[in-house]
């Protein structure tokens, strides 16, 4: 019978050849991940790597003497609000102050590492691609191992670049290596947390939510311990451990050893669960929803609300906490730079022509606006995630038009960042007003300053919508690359005195600084019109292209 099948050109059965070990195929999956992340991975590594060295150069220029740095440490770097936000400073040297300023890098690198691992594990499994690969000669542990290897390698490269940049800034090698390793190990730990979350849950959204909850708790524990001066409480947080290396003072290596041990422990647990659970299943049972949908899901706007509400709530709560810290630290920041003309000029370039305290708030609100733009891009790119997961096609097969579906998501991509910035401005104004006894005057003033950044945020959202409609395959990478470029120009542009044409590439360069002067309407209207044109072009392009199959 088999000969007859072979004679007709059919396939004959082959004896089983064995599938190899659990790590079989890991090298090929690593190559696949590197190919898929060939744009995003280098961008976030390079952008983050240059920040500590740029901070060091700024402190060396603005506070050239030991007396000036000691005064800065006593009045600003030692302020409880600054310590709560960034972490403690362990000395008044340029390196110690620069690494405190870069304290949020541990949180940022941990966040990115966590999301990368979830993307290449649970997201692939949820989309069905993991099952297709598993039907080949692929070891059961290979997908998890490949995702962790790539993320670990990126974190290690980032740490080496950070240490190398600090050494190139004429800072001691021991402190530079200690800080670089702390960034690396913070990223590795939360990458492993993402791997564990991917085994516990049944969906990528739940895995991201669980991982972000762990990251948020770690940050809050570190914040509470540092703000209250409770050292043992800060050490309970992986982020607090990463910042306990005391770079450029008396380097401590034991916190890094503890992080290595914690990473190994969480990794062993994730690997054990991955070897035992069924494909597509999670260890934690998924709660069933109601049998029938509520009235809020009757249209595309309700569906978009359902998909974006958790992220919007998280961003809003985070913005409120950040606003409270920034507003509480503004008065101390203004007092610290009184008499330092170089710092005053820099703060005025960044934050407007108001008082130094308000110039500080204007500069920090610009950074908050970039974070709000991150939420807007995330909400806009949710359409791409729905499309690639084949969930958009069933919705569009009903009476819902493409325009209504896109506009439902676009509403949250545009109004969500505006809500985040309003909350930031309100809480910042309240905290600052309480510190100087002028709540009624500062709340509307700072809320307006935060809202002035909304049109620039909308431009980046419009870029994401245009890419989704016109070039969907590269939309995710290019949209996030645009945000990274704006972050880099905003952080380093004024300090490095870059060419104006280069700074003008960022929409945030055209945002008027409304603190301390009249509000010019022309740039705001121009940015809004640009965002509307980009979004409209993306909508037209989406209506004409095919959906992927």
Protein backbone atom coordinates (compact mmCIF):
# COMPACT_ATOMS: atom_id res chain seq x y z
CA UNK A 1 0.00 0.00 0.00
CA UNK A 2 2.77 2.40 0.85
CA UNK A 3 4.48 1.64 -2.48
CA UNK A 4 1.28 2.49 -4.35
CA UNK A 5 1.01 5.77 -2.52
CA UNK A 6 4.64 6.55 -3.30
CA UNK A 7 4.11 5.68 -6.95
CA UNK A 8 1.25 8.19 -7.14
CA UNK A 9 3.48 10.87 -5.65
CA UNK A 10 1.95 10.70 -2.18
CA UNK A 11 3.88 11.02 1.08
CA UNK A 12 4.92 7.92 2.91
CA UNK A 13 5.19 7.71 6.66
CA UNK A 14 8.63 8.13 8.18
CA UNK A 15 9.93 6.56 11.30
CA UNK A 16 10.17 8.82 14.31
CA UNK A 17 13.60 10.39 14.48
CA UNK A 18 13.32 11.94 17.95
CA UNK A 19 12.76 15.57 18.84
CA UNK A 20 16.01 16.20 20.63
CA UNK A 21 16.32 17.89 24.00
CA UNK A 22 14.06 20.54 25.55
CA UNK A 23 16.28 23.34 24.19
CA UNK A 24 16.37 22.07 20.60
CA UNK A 25 15.84 24.95 18.17
CA UNK A 26 16.70 27.70 20.64
CA UNK A 27 19.36 29.17 18.34
CA UNK A 28 16.91 29.47 15.46
CA UNK A 29 14.30 31.13 17.66
CA UNK A 30 16.91 33.61 18.88
CA UNK A 31 17.61 34.55 15.27
CA UNK A 32 13.88 34.94 14.63
CA UNK A 33 13.41 37.23 17.65
CA UNK A 34 16.42 39.33 16.66
CA UNK A 35 15.00 39.70 13.17
CA UNK A 36 11.58 40.75 14.44
CA UNK A 37 13.05 43.23 16.94
CA UNK A 38 15.85 44.50 14.72
CA UNK A 39 14.43 48.05 14.92
CA UNK A 40 12.99 48.40 18.41
CA UNK A 41 15.71 46.58 20.33
CA UNK A 42 18.68 48.71 19.17
CA UNK A 43 16.66 51.91 19.56
CA UNK A 44 15.75 51.48 23.20
CA UNK A 45 19.22 50.19 24.09
CA UNK A 46 21.00 53.14 22.47
CA UNK A 47 18.57 55.81 23.71
CA UNK A 48 18.77 54.66 27.32
CA UNK A 49 22.55 54.08 27.17
CA UNK A 50 23.39 57.72 26.44
CA UNK A 51 21.31 59.22 29.27
CA UNK A 52 23.62 58.60 32.29
CA UNK A 53 26.64 60.05 30.50
CA UNK A 54 24.61 63.08 29.43
CA UNK A 55 23.53 63.63 33.04
CA UNK A 56 27.15 63.42 34.15
CA UNK A 57 28.19 66.01 31.57
CA UNK A 58 25.36 68.30 32.69
CA UNK A 59 26.28 68.13 36.38
CA UNK A 60 29.95 68.68 35.59
CA UNK A 61 29.05 71.83 33.65
CA UNK A 62 26.40 73.27 35.97
CA UNK A 63 28.05 72.38 39.30
CA UNK A 64 31.80 72.47 38.65
CA UNK A 65 32.87 72.95 42.28
CA UNK A 66 32.49 70.64 45.26
CA UNK A 67 30.78 73.40 47.25
CA UNK A 68 28.09 73.84 44.60
CA UNK A 69 27.45 70.11 44.42
CA UNK A 70 27.28 69.85 48.22
CA UNK A 71 24.71 72.63 48.30
CA UNK A 72 22.72 70.94 45.54
CA UNK A 73 22.76 67.67 47.46
CA UNK A 74 21.61 69.35 50.67
CA UNK A 75 18.76 71.31 49.10
CA UNK A 76 17.55 69.27 46.12
CA UNK A 77 19.06 65.80 45.79
CA UNK A 78 18.32 65.18 49.46
CA UNK A 79 14.74 66.45 49.24
CA UNK A 80 12.29 63.67 50.26
CA UNK A 81 10.24 64.14 47.08
CA UNK A 82 13.30 63.82 44.85
CA UNK A 83 14.54 60.82 46.82
CA UNK A 84 11.11 59.20 46.55
CA UNK A 85 11.04 59.73 42.77
CA UNK A 86 14.64 58.89 41.84
CA UNK A 87 16.19 57.16 44.84
CA UNK A 88 18.90 58.30 47.26
CA UNK A 89 22.17 60.03 46.41
CA UNK A 90 25.19 58.60 48.20
CA UNK A 91 27.56 61.52 47.73
CA UNK A 92 28.05 64.90 46.13
CA UNK A 93 30.44 63.83 43.37
CA UNK A 94 29.43 64.23 39.73
CA UNK A 95 29.04 60.47 39.38
CA UNK A 96 26.89 60.08 42.51
CA UNK A 97 24.54 62.88 41.45
CA UNK A 98 24.35 61.67 37.86
CA UNK A 99 23.48 58.11 38.86
CA UNK A 100 20.79 59.38 41.22
CA UNK A 101 19.34 61.42 38.34
CA UNK A 102 19.37 58.21 36.28
CA UNK A 103 17.67 56.25 39.05
CA UNK A 104 14.47 55.78 37.02
CA UNK A 105 16.45 53.79 34.44
CA UNK A 106 16.07 50.69 36.62
CA UNK A 107 12.29 51.05 36.39
CA UNK A 108 12.31 51.82 32.66
CA UNK A 109 14.65 48.97 31.74
CA UNK A 110 12.65 46.58 33.91
CA UNK A 111 9.45 47.64 32.16
CA UNK A 112 10.85 47.20 28.67
CA UNK A 113 12.46 43.86 29.48
CA UNK A 114 9.23 42.53 30.96
CA UNK A 115 7.18 43.54 27.92
CA UNK A 116 9.70 42.06 25.47
CA UNK A 117 9.60 38.65 27.15
CA UNK A 118 5.78 38.60 27.32
CA UNK A 119 5.63 39.55 23.65
CA UNK A 120 7.81 36.63 22.59
CA UNK A 121 6.20 34.05 24.88
CA UNK A 122 2.54 34.43 25.82
CA UNK A 123 1.66 36.72 22.89
CA UNK A 124 3.10 34.20 20.43
CA UNK A 125 1.23 31.40 22.16
CA UNK A 126 -2.05 33.31 22.19
CA UNK A 127 -1.74 34.11 18.48
CA UNK A 128 -1.24 30.42 17.60
CA UNK A 129 2.27 30.79 16.23
CA UNK A 130 3.76 28.89 19.15
CA UNK A 131 1.63 25.86 18.28
CA UNK A 132 2.83 25.91 14.68
CA UNK A 133 6.45 26.07 15.75
CA UNK A 134 5.87 23.37 18.33
CA UNK A 135 4.76 21.01 15.57
CA UNK A 136 8.32 21.11 14.20
CA UNK A 137 11.49 19.74 15.77
CA UNK A 138 11.43 22.28 18.59
CA UNK A 139 12.17 21.65 22.23
CA UNK A 140 9.49 22.51 24.75
CA UNK A 141 11.72 24.96 26.64
CA UNK A 142 13.16 26.62 23.53
CA UNK A 143 10.66 29.53 23.18
CA UNK A 144 11.06 30.65 26.78
CA UNK A 145 14.84 30.20 26.67
CA UNK A 146 15.15 32.17 23.41
CA UNK A 147 13.07 35.10 24.70
CA UNK A 148 15.10 35.29 27.91
CA UNK A 149 18.45 34.94 26.12
CA UNK A 150 17.71 37.82 23.76
CA UNK A 151 16.42 40.06 26.54
CA UNK A 152 19.31 39.19 28.85
CA UNK A 153 21.78 39.94 26.06
CA UNK A 154 20.13 43.31 25.38
CA UNK A 155 20.24 44.17 29.11
CA UNK A 156 23.90 43.17 29.31
CA UNK A 157 24.77 45.24 26.26
CA UNK A 158 22.90 48.18 27.75
CA UNK A 159 24.80 47.87 31.02
CA UNK A 160 28.13 47.74 29.20
CA UNK A 161 27.26 50.83 27.15
CA UNK A 162 26.12 52.70 30.27
CA UNK A 163 29.35 51.84 32.10
CA UNK A 164 31.45 52.69 29.06
CA UNK A 165 29.76 56.06 28.63
CA UNK A 166 30.33 56.96 32.28
CA UNK A 167 34.00 55.93 32.08
CA UNK A 168 34.34 58.03 28.92
CA UNK A 169 33.00 60.96 31.00
CA UNK A 170 36.11 60.69 33.21
CA UNK A 171 34.27 58.97 36.07
CA UNK A 172 35.87 56.15 38.10
CA UNK A 173 35.57 52.72 36.54
CA UNK A 174 34.38 50.92 39.70
CA UNK A 175 31.34 53.16 40.14
CA UNK A 176 30.57 53.04 36.43
CA UNK A 177 30.64 49.24 36.39
CA UNK A 178 28.52 49.05 39.55
CA UNK A 179 25.83 51.28 38.08
CA UNK A 180 25.92 49.54 34.70
CA UNK A 181 25.53 46.14 36.35
CA UNK A 182 22.65 47.39 38.50
CA UNK A 183 20.78 48.48 35.35
CA UNK A 184 21.52 45.13 33.69
CA UNK A 185 20.35 43.02 36.63
CA UNK A 186 17.20 45.08 37.17
CA UNK A 187 16.28 44.41 33.55
CA UNK A 188 17.11 40.71 33.84
CA UNK A 189 15.04 40.27 36.99
CA UNK A 190 11.89 41.82 35.55
CA UNK A 191 12.41 39.99 32.26
CA UNK A 192 12.24 36.80 34.33
CA UNK A 193 9.14 38.12 36.11
CA UNK A 194 7.58 38.52 32.67
CA UNK A 195 8.49 34.92 31.86
CA UNK A 196 6.80 33.73 35.04
CA UNK A 197 3.70 35.86 34.39
CA UNK A 198 3.46 34.29 30.92
CA UNK A 199 3.21 30.84 32.52
CA UNK A 200 0.64 31.85 35.12
CA UNK A 201 -1.89 33.49 32.83
CA UNK A 202 -3.78 32.50 29.68
CA UNK A 203 -3.59 35.78 27.75
CA UNK A 204 -0.93 38.30 26.87
CA UNK A 205 -2.96 41.12 28.41
CA UNK A 206 -3.23 39.30 31.72
CA UNK A 207 0.49 38.48 31.65
CA UNK A 208 1.39 42.11 31.06
CA UNK A 209 -1.01 43.21 33.79
CA UNK A 210 0.43 40.78 36.31
CA UNK A 211 4.01 41.70 35.44
CA UNK A 212 3.28 45.43 35.60
CA UNK A 213 1.59 44.95 38.96
CA UNK A 214 4.76 43.34 40.34
CA UNK A 215 6.84 46.16 38.88
CA UNK A 216 4.49 48.79 40.34
CA UNK A 217 4.56 47.22 43.79
CA UNK A 218 8.36 47.05 43.68
CA UNK A 219 8.52 50.75 42.81
CA UNK A 220 6.04 51.74 45.52
CA UNK A 221 7.91 49.73 48.16
CA UNK A 222 11.18 51.38 47.10
CA UNK A 223 9.50 54.80 47.06
CA UNK A 224 8.01 54.36 50.53
CA UNK A 225 11.27 53.10 51.99
CA UNK A 226 13.41 55.87 50.50
CA UNK A 227 10.94 58.68 51.25
CA UNK A 228 10.63 57.56 54.87
CA UNK A 229 14.28 56.70 55.34
CA UNK A 230 13.43 53.06 56.13
CA UNK A 231 16.40 51.23 54.65
CA UNK A 232 15.16 47.69 55.28
CA UNK A 233 11.90 48.42 53.46
CA UNK A 234 13.75 49.65 50.36
CA UNK A 235 15.83 46.49 50.36
CA UNK A 236 12.67 44.40 50.05
CA UNK A 237 12.21 45.82 46.55
CA UNK A 238 14.33 44.59 43.62
CA UNK A 239 14.48 48.20 42.45
CA UNK A 240 15.69 49.27 45.88
CA UNK A 241 18.36 46.57 45.82
CA UNK A 242 19.55 47.74 42.39
CA UNK A 243 20.03 51.25 43.77
CA UNK A 244 21.93 50.08 46.85
CA UNK A 245 25.27 49.63 45.07
CA UNK A 246 26.47 53.10 46.24
CA UNK A 247 28.25 53.97 42.96
CA UNK A 248 31.14 56.43 43.17
CA UNK A 249 31.24 56.33 46.99
CA UNK A 250 31.83 52.91 48.57
CA UNK A 251 30.68 50.40 45.96
CA UNK A 252 28.64 47.52 47.36
CA UNK A 253 28.36 44.34 45.34
CA UNK A 254 26.18 42.20 47.58
CA UNK A 255 22.86 43.71 46.36
CA UNK A 256 23.79 42.61 42.84
CA UNK A 257 24.47 39.08 44.10
CA UNK A 258 21.04 39.04 45.75
CA UNK A 259 19.45 40.14 42.46
CA UNK A 260 21.23 37.32 40.64
CA UNK A 261 19.87 34.82 43.17
CA UNK A 262 16.32 36.19 42.91
CA UNK A 263 16.50 36.09 39.13
CA UNK A 264 17.66 32.48 39.18
CA UNK A 265 14.88 31.53 41.60
CA UNK A 266 12.11 33.14 39.56
CA UNK A 267 13.60 31.73 36.35
CA UNK A 268 13.66 28.19 37.75
CA UNK A 269 10.00 28.54 38.77
CA UNK A 270 9.04 29.83 35.30
CA UNK A 271 10.93 27.00 33.58
CA UNK A 272 9.30 24.39 35.80
CA UNK A 273 5.81 25.69 35.07
CA UNK A 274 6.54 25.91 31.34
CA UNK A 275 7.55 22.25 31.31
CA UNK A 276 4.35 21.10 33.04
CA UNK A 277 1.47 23.20 31.74
CA UNK A 278 -0.50 22.55 28.56
CA UNK A 279 0.05 24.68 25.48
CA UNK A 280 -2.31 27.65 25.57
CA UNK A 281 -3.20 27.15 29.22
CA UNK A 282 -2.12 29.05 32.27
CA UNK A 283 -1.57 27.93 35.83
CA UNK A 284 -4.07 30.46 37.19
CA UNK A 285 -7.65 29.71 36.06
CA UNK A 286 -9.25 32.36 33.87
CA UNK A 287 -12.48 33.83 35.19
CA UNK A 288 -15.41 33.39 32.84
CA UNK A 289 -17.23 36.49 31.73
CA UNK A 290 -21.00 36.98 31.60
CA UNK A 291 -22.99 34.85 29.16
CA UNK A 292 -24.33 37.91 27.35
CA UNK A 293 -22.61 41.20 26.62
CA UNK A 294 -23.81 44.37 28.30
CA UNK A 295 -25.22 47.35 26.51
CA UNK A 296 -21.86 49.12 26.63
CA UNK A 297 -20.48 46.61 24.13
CA UNK A 298 -23.16 47.35 21.54
CA UNK A 299 -20.82 49.53 19.48
CA UNK A 300 -17.15 50.00 18.60
CA UNK A 301 -16.71 52.77 21.18
CA UNK A 302 -17.83 50.46 23.97
CA UNK A 303 -15.49 47.75 22.70
CA UNK A 304 -12.60 50.22 22.63
CA UNK A 305 -13.43 51.25 26.20
CA UNK A 306 -13.40 47.61 27.28
CA UNK A 307 -9.99 47.08 25.71
CA UNK A 308 -8.36 50.29 26.97
CA UNK A 309 -9.92 50.99 30.36
CA UNK A 310 -7.38 49.13 32.50
CA UNK A 311 -4.39 50.75 30.80
CA UNK A 312 -6.01 54.19 31.03
CA UNK A 313 -6.68 53.76 34.74
CA UNK A 314 -3.12 52.63 35.38
CA UNK A 315 -1.61 55.55 33.47
CA UNK A 316 -3.90 58.03 35.24
CA UNK A 317 -3.02 56.74 38.70
CA UNK A 318 0.67 56.81 37.81
CA UNK A 319 0.33 60.38 36.52
CA UNK A 320 -1.31 61.46 39.77
CA UNK A 321 1.49 59.95 41.85
CA UNK A 322 4.12 61.57 39.63
CA UNK A 323 2.39 64.94 39.82
CA UNK A 324 2.35 64.81 43.62
CA UNK A 325 6.08 64.10 43.73
CA UNK A 326 6.97 66.78 41.16
CA UNK A 327 4.83 69.45 42.80
CA UNK A 328 6.25 68.68 46.22
CA UNK A 329 9.83 68.98 44.97
CA UNK A 330 9.44 72.19 42.94
CA UNK A 331 10.06 74.70 45.72
CA UNK A 332 13.22 72.91 46.85
CA UNK A 333 14.47 72.71 43.26
CA UNK A 334 13.97 76.43 42.83
CA UNK A 335 15.80 77.25 46.04
CA UNK A 336 18.72 75.00 45.11
CA UNK A 337 19.61 76.84 41.91
CA UNK A 338 19.23 80.39 43.16
CA UNK A 339 22.42 82.23 42.28
CA UNK A 340 23.55 79.61 39.75
CA UNK A 341 23.11 81.46 36.47
CA UNK A 342 23.99 78.47 34.28
CA UNK A 343 21.29 76.32 35.84
CA UNK A 344 18.78 79.14 35.73
CA UNK A 345 19.40 79.70 32.00
CA UNK A 346 19.08 75.98 31.28
CA UNK A 347 15.85 75.67 33.27
CA UNK A 348 14.39 78.68 31.50
CA UNK A 349 15.22 77.11 28.10
CA UNK A 350 13.49 73.94 29.20
CA UNK A 351 10.60 75.36 31.16
CA UNK A 352 9.88 78.92 30.07
CA UNK A 353 10.49 82.36 31.51
CA UNK A 354 8.70 81.95 34.84
CA UNK A 355 10.35 81.54 38.22
CA UNK A 356 12.98 78.84 38.50
CA UNK A 357 10.56 76.60 40.43
CA UNK A 358 7.95 76.90 37.70
CA UNK A 359 10.61 76.49 35.02
CA UNK A 360 11.48 73.20 36.74
CA UNK A 361 7.83 72.20 36.64
CA UNK A 362 7.59 73.17 32.98
CA UNK A 363 10.57 70.96 32.17
CA UNK A 364 9.20 68.00 34.11
CA UNK A 365 5.75 68.39 32.55
CA UNK A 366 7.44 68.03 29.16
CA UNK A 367 8.74 64.63 30.27
CA UNK A 368 5.28 63.70 31.57
CA UNK A 369 3.87 64.62 28.17
CA UNK A 370 6.20 62.08 26.56
CA UNK A 371 4.84 59.44 28.94
CA UNK A 372 1.28 60.43 28.00
CA UNK A 373 2.27 60.11 24.35
CA UNK A 374 3.39 56.57 25.15
CA UNK A 375 -0.13 55.74 26.29
CA UNK A 376 -1.60 57.39 23.17
CA UNK A 377 0.65 55.34 20.89
CA UNK A 378 -0.20 52.19 22.83
CA UNK A 379 -3.94 52.86 22.43
CA UNK A 380 -3.56 53.60 18.71
CA UNK A 381 -1.49 50.48 18.10
CA UNK A 382 -4.14 48.38 19.85
CA UNK A 383 -5.85 48.39 16.47
CA UNK A 384 -2.85 46.62 14.96
CA UNK A 385 -2.89 44.05 17.77
CA UNK A 386 -6.60 43.38 17.18
CA UNK A 387 -5.99 43.07 13.47
CA UNK A 388 -3.08 40.64 13.66
CA UNK A 389 -4.91 38.54 16.28
CA UNK A 390 -7.80 38.14 13.78
CA UNK A 391 -10.26 39.81 16.16
CA UNK A 392 -10.86 42.87 13.98
CA UNK A 393 -12.14 40.91 10.97
CA UNK A 394 -15.20 39.37 12.74
CA UNK A 395 -16.20 42.81 14.04
CA UNK A 396 -15.82 44.41 10.61
CA UNK A 397 -17.81 41.57 9.04
CA UNK A 398 -20.88 42.93 10.86
CA UNK A 399 -22.55 46.27 10.29
CA UNK A 400 -19.59 48.12 11.85
CA UNK A 401 -17.70 50.10 9.24
CA UNK A 402 -13.95 50.48 9.21
CA UNK A 403 -14.29 54.18 9.96
CA UNK A 404 -16.44 53.62 13.07
CA UNK A 405 -14.11 50.91 14.33
CA UNK A 406 -11.00 53.05 13.88
CA UNK A 407 -12.64 56.16 15.34
CA UNK A 408 -13.66 54.20 18.44
CA UNK A 409 -10.03 53.36 19.15
CA UNK A 410 -8.86 56.80 18.09
CA UNK A 411 -11.13 58.41 20.70
CA UNK A 412 -9.14 56.77 23.48
CA UNK A 413 -5.81 57.38 21.74
CA UNK A 414 -6.58 61.11 21.67
CA UNK A 415 -8.66 61.72 24.79
CA UNK A 416 -6.76 59.29 27.02
CA UNK A 417 -3.46 61.24 26.96
CA UNK A 418 -5.40 64.48 27.49
CA UNK A 419 -6.99 62.98 30.62
CA UNK A 420 -3.58 61.81 31.87
CA UNK A 421 -2.11 65.30 31.42
CA UNK A 422 -5.09 66.98 33.09
CA UNK A 423 -4.68 64.78 36.15
CA UNK A 424 -0.93 65.43 36.16
CA UNK A 425 -1.45 69.19 35.99
CA UNK A 426 -4.14 69.20 38.67
CA UNK A 427 -2.17 67.14 41.18
CA UNK A 428 1.10 68.96 40.44
CA UNK A 429 -0.58 72.33 40.92
CA UNK A 430 -2.22 71.14 44.12
CA UNK A 431 1.04 69.84 45.60
CA UNK A 432 3.00 72.93 44.55
CA UNK A 433 0.25 75.28 45.71
CA UNK A 434 0.14 73.64 49.13
CA UNK A 435 3.92 74.02 49.49
CA UNK A 436 3.82 77.79 48.80
CA UNK A 437 0.31 78.56 50.11
CA UNK A 438 -1.28 79.42 46.75
CA UNK A 439 -3.49 76.51 45.67
CA UNK A 440 -6.10 78.61 43.89
CA UNK A 441 -3.50 80.31 41.72
CA UNK A 442 -1.24 77.34 40.90
CA UNK A 443 -3.77 74.61 40.08
CA UNK A 444 -5.26 76.27 36.97
CA UNK A 445 -1.87 77.59 35.94
CA UNK A 446 -0.16 74.19 35.93
CA UNK A 447 -3.20 72.41 34.53
CA UNK A 448 -3.07 74.78 31.56
CA UNK A 449 0.67 74.17 31.20
CA UNK A 450 0.05 70.42 31.08
CA UNK A 451 -2.76 70.79 28.53
CA UNK A 452 -0.47 72.83 26.27
CA UNK A 453 1.39 69.59 25.49
CA UNK A 454 -1.73 67.77 24.26
CA UNK A 455 -1.45 68.85 20.58
CA UNK A 456 2.15 67.60 20.39
CA UNK A 457 1.04 64.28 21.89
CA UNK A 458 -1.71 64.09 19.27
CA UNK A 459 0.87 64.50 16.50
CA UNK A 460 2.64 61.31 17.62
CA UNK A 461 -0.72 59.54 17.86
CA UNK A 462 -1.45 60.73 14.32
CA UNK A 463 1.87 59.30 13.15
CA UNK A 464 0.93 55.93 14.68
CA UNK A 465 -2.51 56.00 13.00
CA UNK A 466 -0.96 56.90 9.64
CA UNK A 467 1.53 54.06 9.92
CA UNK A 468 -1.25 51.65 10.88
CA UNK A 469 -3.24 52.58 7.82
CA UNK A 470 -0.41 52.93 5.33
CA UNK A 471 2.42 50.66 6.51
CA UNK A 472 0.90 48.30 9.08
CA UNK A 473 3.80 45.85 9.17
CA UNK A 474 6.27 48.46 10.41
CA UNK A 475 3.77 50.57 12.35
CA UNK A 476 4.71 49.29 15.81
CA UNK A 477 8.45 49.69 15.45
CA UNK A 478 8.43 53.06 13.70
CA UNK A 479 5.80 54.59 16.01
CA UNK A 480 7.79 53.72 19.12
CA UNK A 481 10.99 54.83 17.39
CA UNK A 482 9.41 58.25 16.83
CA UNK A 483 8.65 58.53 20.54
CA UNK A 484 12.20 57.48 21.42
CA UNK A 485 13.58 60.14 19.07
CA UNK A 486 11.44 62.81 20.73
CA UNK A 487 12.65 61.64 24.16
CA UNK A 488 16.27 61.82 23.04
CA UNK A 489 15.90 65.29 21.51
CA UNK A 490 14.01 66.59 24.54
CA UNK A 491 16.51 65.25 27.07
CA UNK A 492 19.71 66.12 25.25
CA UNK A 493 18.80 68.85 22.78
CA UNK A 494 19.05 71.87 25.07
CA UNK A 495 22.02 70.45 26.96
CA UNK A 496 24.07 69.61 23.86
CA UNK A 497 22.86 72.72 21.98
CA UNK A 498 21.86 70.70 18.91
CA UNK A 499 20.97 72.40 15.63
CA UNK A 500 17.52 73.96 15.60
CA UNK A 501 16.40 72.09 12.49
CA UNK A 502 17.09 68.83 14.29
CA UNK A 503 15.16 69.93 17.38
CA UNK A 504 12.26 71.02 15.17
CA UNK A 505 11.70 67.41 14.13
CA UNK A 506 10.05 66.83 17.51
CA UNK A 507 6.52 68.22 17.88
CA UNK A 508 7.30 68.99 21.51
CA UNK A 509 9.80 71.60 20.37
CA UNK A 510 6.87 73.62 19.02
CA UNK A 511 4.86 73.43 22.23
CA UNK A 512 4.74 76.93 23.74
CA UNK A 513 5.91 77.33 27.33
CA UNK A 514 2.83 78.98 28.84
CA UNK A 515 4.20 79.46 32.37
CA UNK A 516 5.24 83.04 32.95
CA UNK A 517 3.80 84.53 29.76
CA UNK A 518 0.86 84.73 27.33
CA UNK A 519 -0.41 81.62 25.55
CA UNK A 520 0.36 81.75 21.80
CA UNK A 521 -2.40 80.01 19.85
CA UNK A 522 -0.70 79.62 16.47
CA UNK A 523 1.64 76.71 17.34
CA UNK A 524 -1.13 74.90 19.21
CA UNK A 525 -3.50 75.21 16.26
CA UNK A 526 -0.76 74.15 13.84
CA UNK A 527 0.05 71.04 15.87
CA UNK A 528 -3.63 70.15 16.18
CA UNK A 529 -4.15 70.56 12.44
CA UNK A 530 -1.11 68.37 11.75
CA UNK A 531 -2.43 65.65 14.06
CA UNK A 532 -5.86 65.81 12.38
CA UNK A 533 -4.31 65.54 8.91
CA UNK A 534 -2.16 62.56 9.90
CA UNK A 535 -5.11 60.77 11.50
CA UNK A 536 -7.37 61.44 8.52
CA UNK A 537 -4.72 60.13 6.12
CA UNK A 538 -4.36 57.00 8.25
CA UNK A 539 -8.13 56.46 8.21
CA UNK A 540 -8.31 56.79 4.42
CA UNK A 541 -5.39 54.41 3.96
CA UNK A 542 -6.96 51.84 6.30
CA UNK A 543 -10.27 51.95 4.42
CA UNK A 544 -8.50 51.07 1.16
CA UNK A 545 -6.08 48.35 2.20
CA UNK A 546 -6.72 44.66 2.84
CA UNK A 547 -6.79 43.03 6.23
CA UNK A 548 -4.03 40.46 6.85
CA UNK A 549 -4.94 36.78 6.73
